[in-house]
Amino acid sequence: HMANTPLAVVEFDGQGRFARWSPSAQRLFGWSGEEVIGKSWNDIRFVCNEDVEQVTKHLEDLMRGEAGMHRNRNYTKSGAVVDCEWYNSVATGPDGQAESILSLVLDVTRRQRLEDQLNRAQRMEA
């Protein structure tokens, strides 16, 4: 399933390190699994600087077992920016803390750009 899904599949361990990186994650972000497995997102240039605080807060919530969806911008290996929706599932241990976070990542860059253009056009008309 992981090889066939159009969504990027990324799994983090209980310490917030990359534990799984699907072929679609490699296609979206550019890094291979070998380059990211065992590292945290802070170890590579992965989250856009403006979104680091928001992502850090969301990751803290996930580590406490609070699943949910969030949007942020990520860098690709080449430095391009992609807008992503992260759909997260958390597996917790007996203490309620995350042991694994499985994320399905949808690239919404084109949709975001169209929404931004529409908003600009509406502001110009007003």
N, C-alpha and C. Protein backbone atom coordinates (compact mmCIF):
# COMPACT_ATOMS: atom_id res chain seq x y z
N HIS A 1 0.82 -1.20 0.00
CA HIS A 1 0.00 0.00 0.00
C HIS A 1 0.86 1.27 0.00
N MET A 2 1.93 1.24 0.77
CA MET A 2 2.75 2.45 0.86
C MET A 2 3.37 2.82 -0.48
N ALA A 3 3.71 1.85 -1.27
CA ALA A 3 4.33 2.14 -2.56
C ALA A 3 3.33 2.70 -3.56
N ASN A 4 2.03 2.42 -3.34
CA ASN A 4 1.02 2.80 -4.33
C ASN A 4 0.24 4.06 -3.98
N THR A 5 0.25 4.49 -2.74
CA THR A 5 -0.56 5.64 -2.37
C THR A 5 0.03 6.93 -2.94
N PRO A 6 -0.84 7.83 -3.41
CA PRO A 6 -0.34 9.12 -3.89
C PRO A 6 0.04 10.04 -2.73
N LEU A 7 -0.40 9.71 -1.51
CA LEU A 7 -0.05 10.51 -0.35
C LEU A 7 1.32 10.08 0.17
N ALA A 8 2.08 11.03 0.64
CA ALA A 8 3.35 10.71 1.27
C ALA A 8 3.04 10.08 2.63
N VAL A 9 3.71 8.99 2.95
CA VAL A 9 3.54 8.32 4.24
C VAL A 9 4.84 8.53 5.02
N VAL A 10 4.70 9.18 6.18
CA VAL A 10 5.85 9.48 7.02
C VAL A 10 5.50 9.02 8.43
N GLU A 11 6.40 8.24 9.04
CA GLU A 11 6.17 7.81 10.41
C GLU A 11 7.30 8.34 11.28
N PHE A 12 6.91 8.81 12.47
CA PHE A 12 7.86 9.29 13.47
C PHE A 12 7.83 8.33 14.65
N ASP A 13 8.98 8.14 15.29
CA ASP A 13 9.02 7.31 16.50
C ASP A 13 8.66 8.17 17.72
N GLY A 14 8.71 7.59 18.90
CA GLY A 14 8.33 8.29 20.12
C GLY A 14 9.25 9.44 20.50
N GLN A 15 10.39 9.56 19.85
CA GLN A 15 11.29 10.69 20.08
C GLN A 15 11.21 11.73 18.97
N GLY A 16 10.26 11.56 18.06
CA GLY A 16 10.07 12.52 16.99
C GLY A 16 11.02 12.37 15.83
N ARG A 17 11.68 11.20 15.73
CA ARG A 17 12.60 10.95 14.61
C ARG A 17 11.85 10.23 13.49
N PHE A 18 12.28 10.46 12.26
CA PHE A 18 11.70 9.75 11.13
C PHE A 18 11.96 8.25 11.29
N ALA A 19 10.90 7.46 11.19
CA ALA A 19 11.01 6.01 11.30
C ALA A 19 10.60 5.31 10.01
N ARG A 20 9.81 5.97 9.19
CA ARG A 20 9.37 5.41 7.91
C ARG A 20 9.22 6.56 6.93
N TRP A 21 9.57 6.28 5.68
CA TRP A 21 9.58 7.31 4.62
C TRP A 21 9.20 6.61 3.33
N SER A 22 8.01 6.83 2.85
CA SER A 22 7.51 6.08 1.69
C SER A 22 8.11 6.61 0.39
N PRO A 23 7.98 5.80 -0.69
CA PRO A 23 8.41 6.29 -2.01
C PRO A 23 7.71 7.59 -2.40
N SER A 24 6.45 7.76 -2.03
CA SER A 24 5.75 9.00 -2.37
C SER A 24 6.29 10.17 -1.55
N ALA A 25 6.79 9.92 -0.32
CA ALA A 25 7.44 10.97 0.46
C ALA A 25 8.72 11.41 -0.25
N GLN A 26 9.45 10.45 -0.79
CA GLN A 26 10.66 10.78 -1.53
C GLN A 26 10.32 11.59 -2.77
N ARG A 27 9.25 11.22 -3.47
CA ARG A 27 8.85 11.97 -4.67
C ARG A 27 8.45 13.40 -4.30
N LEU A 28 7.74 13.57 -3.19
CA LEU A 28 7.26 14.89 -2.80
C LEU A 28 8.39 15.76 -2.25
N PHE A 29 9.18 15.22 -1.34
CA PHE A 29 10.17 16.03 -0.64
C PHE A 29 11.59 15.93 -1.19
N GLY A 30 11.89 14.86 -1.93
CA GLY A 30 13.20 14.74 -2.57
C GLY A 30 14.22 13.91 -1.82
N TRP A 31 14.13 13.80 -0.50
CA TRP A 31 15.08 12.99 0.26
C TRP A 31 14.71 11.52 0.17
N SER A 32 15.70 10.67 0.18
CA SER A 32 15.45 9.23 0.24
C SER A 32 15.26 8.83 1.70
N GLY A 33 14.68 7.66 1.91
CA GLY A 33 14.53 7.14 3.26
C GLY A 33 15.85 7.05 3.98
N GLU A 34 16.89 6.61 3.27
CA GLU A 34 18.22 6.48 3.87
C GLU A 34 18.74 7.81 4.40
N GLU A 35 18.34 8.90 3.77
CA GLU A 35 18.81 10.23 4.19
C GLU A 35 18.08 10.76 5.43
N VAL A 36 16.87 10.26 5.70
CA VAL A 36 16.09 10.85 6.79
C VAL A 36 15.82 9.91 7.97
N ILE A 37 15.73 8.60 7.74
CA ILE A 37 15.40 7.67 8.82
C ILE A 37 16.39 7.84 9.98
N GLY A 38 15.84 7.97 11.18
CA GLY A 38 16.66 8.14 12.38
C GLY A 38 16.95 9.59 12.71
N LYS A 39 16.60 10.51 11.83
CA LYS A 39 16.82 11.94 12.08
C LYS A 39 15.51 12.60 12.47
N SER A 40 15.60 13.75 13.11
CA SER A 40 14.40 14.54 13.38
C SER A 40 14.25 15.57 12.26
N TRP A 41 13.09 16.22 12.20
CA TRP A 41 12.90 17.21 11.14
C TRP A 41 13.80 18.42 11.36
N ASN A 42 14.33 18.59 12.55
CA ASN A 42 15.28 19.68 12.80
C ASN A 42 16.65 19.38 12.21
N ASP A 43 16.95 18.10 11.96
CA ASP A 43 18.26 17.72 11.44
C ASP A 43 18.42 17.99 9.95
N ILE A 44 17.32 18.17 9.26
CA ILE A 44 17.36 18.53 7.84
C ILE A 44 16.55 19.81 7.68
N ARG A 45 16.76 20.54 6.65
CA ARG A 45 15.99 21.77 6.40
C ARG A 45 14.64 21.33 5.83
N PHE A 46 13.66 21.12 6.73
CA PHE A 46 12.41 20.48 6.33
C PHE A 46 11.18 21.37 6.51
N VAL A 47 11.12 22.12 7.59
CA VAL A 47 9.96 22.96 7.87
C VAL A 47 10.33 24.41 7.59
N CYS A 48 9.47 25.12 6.85
CA CYS A 48 9.73 26.53 6.55
C CYS A 48 9.91 27.30 7.85
N ASN A 49 10.86 28.19 7.84
CA ASN A 49 11.21 28.95 9.05
C ASN A 49 10.00 29.59 9.71
N GLU A 50 9.11 30.16 8.92
CA GLU A 50 7.93 30.84 9.47
C GLU A 50 6.96 29.88 10.14
N ASP A 51 7.06 28.60 9.85
CA ASP A 51 6.11 27.62 10.38
C ASP A 51 6.69 26.77 11.51
N VAL A 52 7.96 27.00 11.88
CA VAL A 52 8.62 26.15 12.88
C VAL A 52 7.88 26.18 14.22
N GLU A 53 7.50 27.35 14.69
CA GLU A 53 6.82 27.45 15.99
C GLU A 53 5.50 26.67 15.97
N GLN A 54 4.72 26.85 14.94
CA GLN A 54 3.43 26.15 14.81
C GLN A 54 3.64 24.64 14.74
N VAL A 55 4.61 24.18 13.96
CA VAL A 55 4.86 22.75 13.82
C VAL A 55 5.38 22.16 15.13
N THR A 56 6.23 22.90 15.82
CA THR A 56 6.74 22.44 17.12
C THR A 56 5.58 22.23 18.09
N LYS A 57 4.66 23.17 18.15
CA LYS A 57 3.48 23.06 19.03
C LYS A 57 2.63 21.85 18.64
N HIS A 58 2.41 21.68 17.35
CA HIS A 58 1.59 20.56 16.90
C HIS A 58 2.27 19.22 17.22
N LEU A 59 3.58 19.15 17.03
CA LEU A 59 4.31 17.92 17.34
C LEU A 59 4.23 17.61 18.84
N GLU A 60 4.31 18.63 19.67
CA GLU A 60 4.16 18.43 21.12
C GLU A 60 2.78 17.83 21.44
N ASP A 61 1.74 18.34 20.78
CA ASP A 61 0.39 17.80 20.96
C ASP A 61 0.34 16.34 20.53
N LEU A 62 0.95 16.04 19.39
CA LEU A 62 0.97 14.66 18.90
C LEU A 62 1.71 13.74 19.86
N MET A 63 2.81 14.21 20.41
CA MET A 63 3.58 13.38 21.34
C MET A 63 2.79 13.06 22.61
N ARG A 64 1.80 13.92 22.93
CA ARG A 64 0.92 13.65 24.07
C ARG A 64 -0.27 12.78 23.66
N GLY A 65 -0.28 12.32 22.42
CA GLY A 65 -1.34 11.43 21.96
C GLY A 65 -2.53 12.11 21.33
N GLU A 66 -2.42 13.40 21.06
CA GLU A 66 -3.52 14.16 20.47
C GLU A 66 -3.38 14.17 18.95
N ALA A 67 -4.10 13.28 18.27
CA ALA A 67 -4.03 13.19 16.80
C ALA A 67 -4.74 14.39 16.18
N GLY A 68 -4.49 14.61 14.93
CA GLY A 68 -5.18 15.68 14.22
C GLY A 68 -4.49 16.05 12.93
N MET A 69 -5.12 16.98 12.23
CA MET A 69 -4.61 17.45 10.95
C MET A 69 -4.03 18.84 11.14
N HIS A 70 -2.98 19.13 10.42
CA HIS A 70 -2.46 20.49 10.38
C HIS A 70 -1.88 20.77 9.00
N ARG A 71 -1.75 22.06 8.71
CA ARG A 71 -1.16 22.50 7.44
C ARG A 71 0.10 23.29 7.74
N ASN A 72 1.09 23.09 6.94
CA ASN A 72 2.28 23.92 7.02
C ASN A 72 3.04 23.81 5.71
N ARG A 73 4.06 24.63 5.62
CA ARG A 73 4.91 24.63 4.43
C ARG A 73 6.19 23.88 4.76
N ASN A 74 6.61 23.07 3.82
CA ASN A 74 7.84 22.30 3.96
C ASN A 74 8.78 22.64 2.83
N TYR A 75 10.07 22.50 3.12
CA TYR A 75 11.09 22.60 2.08
C TYR A 75 11.29 21.22 1.46
N THR A 76 11.61 21.21 0.20
CA THR A 76 12.06 19.98 -0.44
C THR A 76 13.58 19.96 -0.34
N LYS A 77 14.16 18.85 -0.72
CA LYS A 77 15.63 18.73 -0.69
C LYS A 77 16.27 19.82 -1.55
N SER A 78 15.62 20.20 -2.65
CA SER A 78 16.17 21.22 -3.54
C SER A 78 15.92 22.64 -3.05
N GLY A 79 15.16 22.80 -1.95
CA GLY A 79 14.88 24.12 -1.40
C GLY A 79 13.56 24.72 -1.83
N ALA A 80 12.81 24.03 -2.70
CA ALA A 80 11.49 24.51 -3.09
C ALA A 80 10.56 24.40 -1.88
N VAL A 81 9.48 25.18 -1.92
CA VAL A 81 8.49 25.15 -0.84
C VAL A 81 7.23 24.47 -1.34
N VAL A 82 6.72 23.53 -0.52
CA VAL A 82 5.45 22.87 -0.81
C VAL A 82 4.51 23.09 0.37
N ASP A 83 3.27 23.38 0.05
CA ASP A 83 2.22 23.50 1.07
C ASP A 83 1.66 22.10 1.29
N CYS A 84 1.59 21.69 2.56
CA CYS A 84 1.17 20.33 2.87
C CYS A 84 0.09 20.29 3.93
N GLU A 85 -0.81 19.34 3.78
CA GLU A 85 -1.74 18.98 4.83
C GLU A 85 -1.24 17.66 5.40
N TRP A 86 -1.08 17.62 6.72
CA TRP A 86 -0.59 16.44 7.44
C TRP A 86 -1.75 15.84 8.22
N TYR A 87 -2.12 14.62 7.87
CA TYR A 87 -3.18 13.88 8.57
C TYR A 87 -2.48 12.85 9.46
N ASN A 88 -2.63 13.01 10.77
CA ASN A 88 -1.82 12.27 11.72
C ASN A 88 -2.62 11.30 12.57
N SER A 89 -2.05 10.14 12.78
CA SER A 89 -2.59 9.11 13.66
C SER A 89 -1.50 8.80 14.69
N VAL A 90 -1.90 8.67 15.96
CA VAL A 90 -0.93 8.46 17.02
C VAL A 90 -1.20 7.13 17.72
N ALA A 91 -0.16 6.33 17.86
CA ALA A 91 -0.22 5.10 18.67
C ALA A 91 0.48 5.42 19.98
N THR A 92 -0.24 5.28 21.09
CA THR A 92 0.30 5.64 22.39
C THR A 92 0.61 4.41 23.23
N GLY A 93 1.51 4.59 24.17
CA GLY A 93 1.85 3.56 25.13
C GLY A 93 0.93 3.65 26.34
N PRO A 94 1.15 2.80 27.34
CA PRO A 94 0.32 2.80 28.55
C PRO A 94 0.30 4.14 29.28
N ASP A 95 1.37 4.93 29.11
CA ASP A 95 1.45 6.23 29.78
C ASP A 95 0.75 7.35 29.00
N GLY A 96 0.17 7.01 27.85
CA GLY A 96 -0.52 8.00 27.03
C GLY A 96 0.38 8.79 26.11
N GLN A 97 1.67 8.54 26.19
CA GLN A 97 2.62 9.24 25.33
C GLN A 97 2.76 8.50 23.99
N ALA A 98 3.07 9.26 22.96
CA ALA A 98 3.20 8.69 21.62
C ALA A 98 4.37 7.72 21.54
N GLU A 99 4.11 6.58 20.95
CA GLU A 99 5.17 5.64 20.60
C GLU A 99 5.45 5.70 19.10
N SER A 100 4.42 6.11 18.35
CA SER A 100 4.54 6.20 16.90
C SER A 100 3.50 7.20 16.39
N ILE A 101 3.90 8.02 15.44
CA ILE A 101 3.00 8.95 14.78
C ILE A 101 3.06 8.64 13.29
N LEU A 102 1.93 8.26 12.72
CA LEU A 102 1.87 7.97 11.29
C LEU A 102 1.17 9.14 10.62
N SER A 103 1.82 9.73 9.64
CA SER A 103 1.29 10.89 8.94
C SER A 103 1.10 10.58 7.47
N LEU A 104 -0.06 10.95 6.96
CA LEU A 104 -0.34 10.93 5.53
C LEU A 104 -0.29 12.38 5.09
N VAL A 105 0.53 12.66 4.09
CA VAL A 105 0.80 14.04 3.71
C VAL A 105 0.28 14.29 2.30
N LEU A 106 -0.56 15.31 2.19
CA LEU A 106 -1.14 15.70 0.92
C LEU A 106 -0.51 17.02 0.47
N ASP A 107 0.02 17.04 -0.74
CA ASP A 107 0.58 18.25 -1.33
C ASP A 107 -0.58 19.12 -1.82
N VAL A 108 -0.77 20.28 -1.20
CA VAL A 108 -1.86 21.19 -1.57
C VAL A 108 -1.32 22.49 -2.16
N THR A 109 -0.10 22.43 -2.68
CA THR A 109 0.56 23.63 -3.19
C THR A 109 -0.26 24.30 -4.28
N ARG A 110 -0.71 23.55 -5.27
CA ARG A 110 -1.47 24.16 -6.38
C ARG A 110 -2.76 24.77 -5.86
N ARG A 111 -3.45 24.06 -4.99
CA ARG A 111 -4.71 24.58 -4.43
C ARG A 111 -4.45 25.86 -3.64
N GLN A 112 -3.39 25.88 -2.84
CA GLN A 112 -3.06 27.06 -2.04
C GLN A 112 -2.75 28.24 -2.93
N ARG A 113 -1.99 28.01 -4.01
CA ARG A 113 -1.65 29.11 -4.93
C ARG A 113 -2.92 29.68 -5.59
N LEU A 114 -3.84 28.80 -5.98
CA LEU A 114 -5.09 29.26 -6.59
C LEU A 114 -5.93 30.05 -5.59
N GLU A 115 -5.99 29.58 -4.34
CA GLU A 115 -6.72 30.31 -3.30
C GLU A 115 -6.10 31.68 -3.07
N ASP A 116 -4.77 31.75 -3.04
CA ASP A 116 -4.08 33.02 -2.85
C ASP A 116 -4.39 33.98 -3.99
N GLN A 117 -4.38 33.48 -5.25
CA GLN A 117 -4.70 34.32 -6.40
C GLN A 117 -6.13 34.83 -6.33
N LEU A 118 -7.05 33.96 -5.94
CA LEU A 118 -8.45 34.36 -5.83
C LEU A 118 -8.62 35.42 -4.75
N ASN A 119 -7.98 35.24 -3.62
CA ASN A 119 -8.07 36.24 -2.54
C ASN A 119 -7.52 37.58 -2.97
N ARG A 120 -6.37 37.58 -3.69
CA ARG A 120 -5.80 38.83 -4.18
C ARG A 120 -6.75 39.52 -5.16
N ALA A 121 -7.35 38.74 -6.06
CA ALA A 121 -8.28 39.29 -7.04
C ALA A 121 -9.51 39.89 -6.34
N GLN A 122 -10.00 39.22 -5.32
CA GLN A 122 -11.17 39.74 -4.59
C GLN A 122 -10.83 41.02 -3.85
N ARG A 123 -9.63 41.11 -3.29
CA ARG A 123 -9.22 42.34 -2.58
C ARG A 123 -9.08 43.49 -3.55
N MET A 124 -8.60 43.20 -4.78
CA MET A 124 -8.44 44.26 -5.77
C MET A 124 -9.78 44.79 -6.24
N GLU A 125 -10.79 43.92 -6.26
CA GLU A 125 -12.13 44.32 -6.69
C GLU A 125 -12.83 45.15 -5.63
N ALA A 126 -12.46 44.96 -4.38
CA ALA A 126 -13.16 45.64 -3.27
C ALA A 126 -12.76 47.09 -3.14
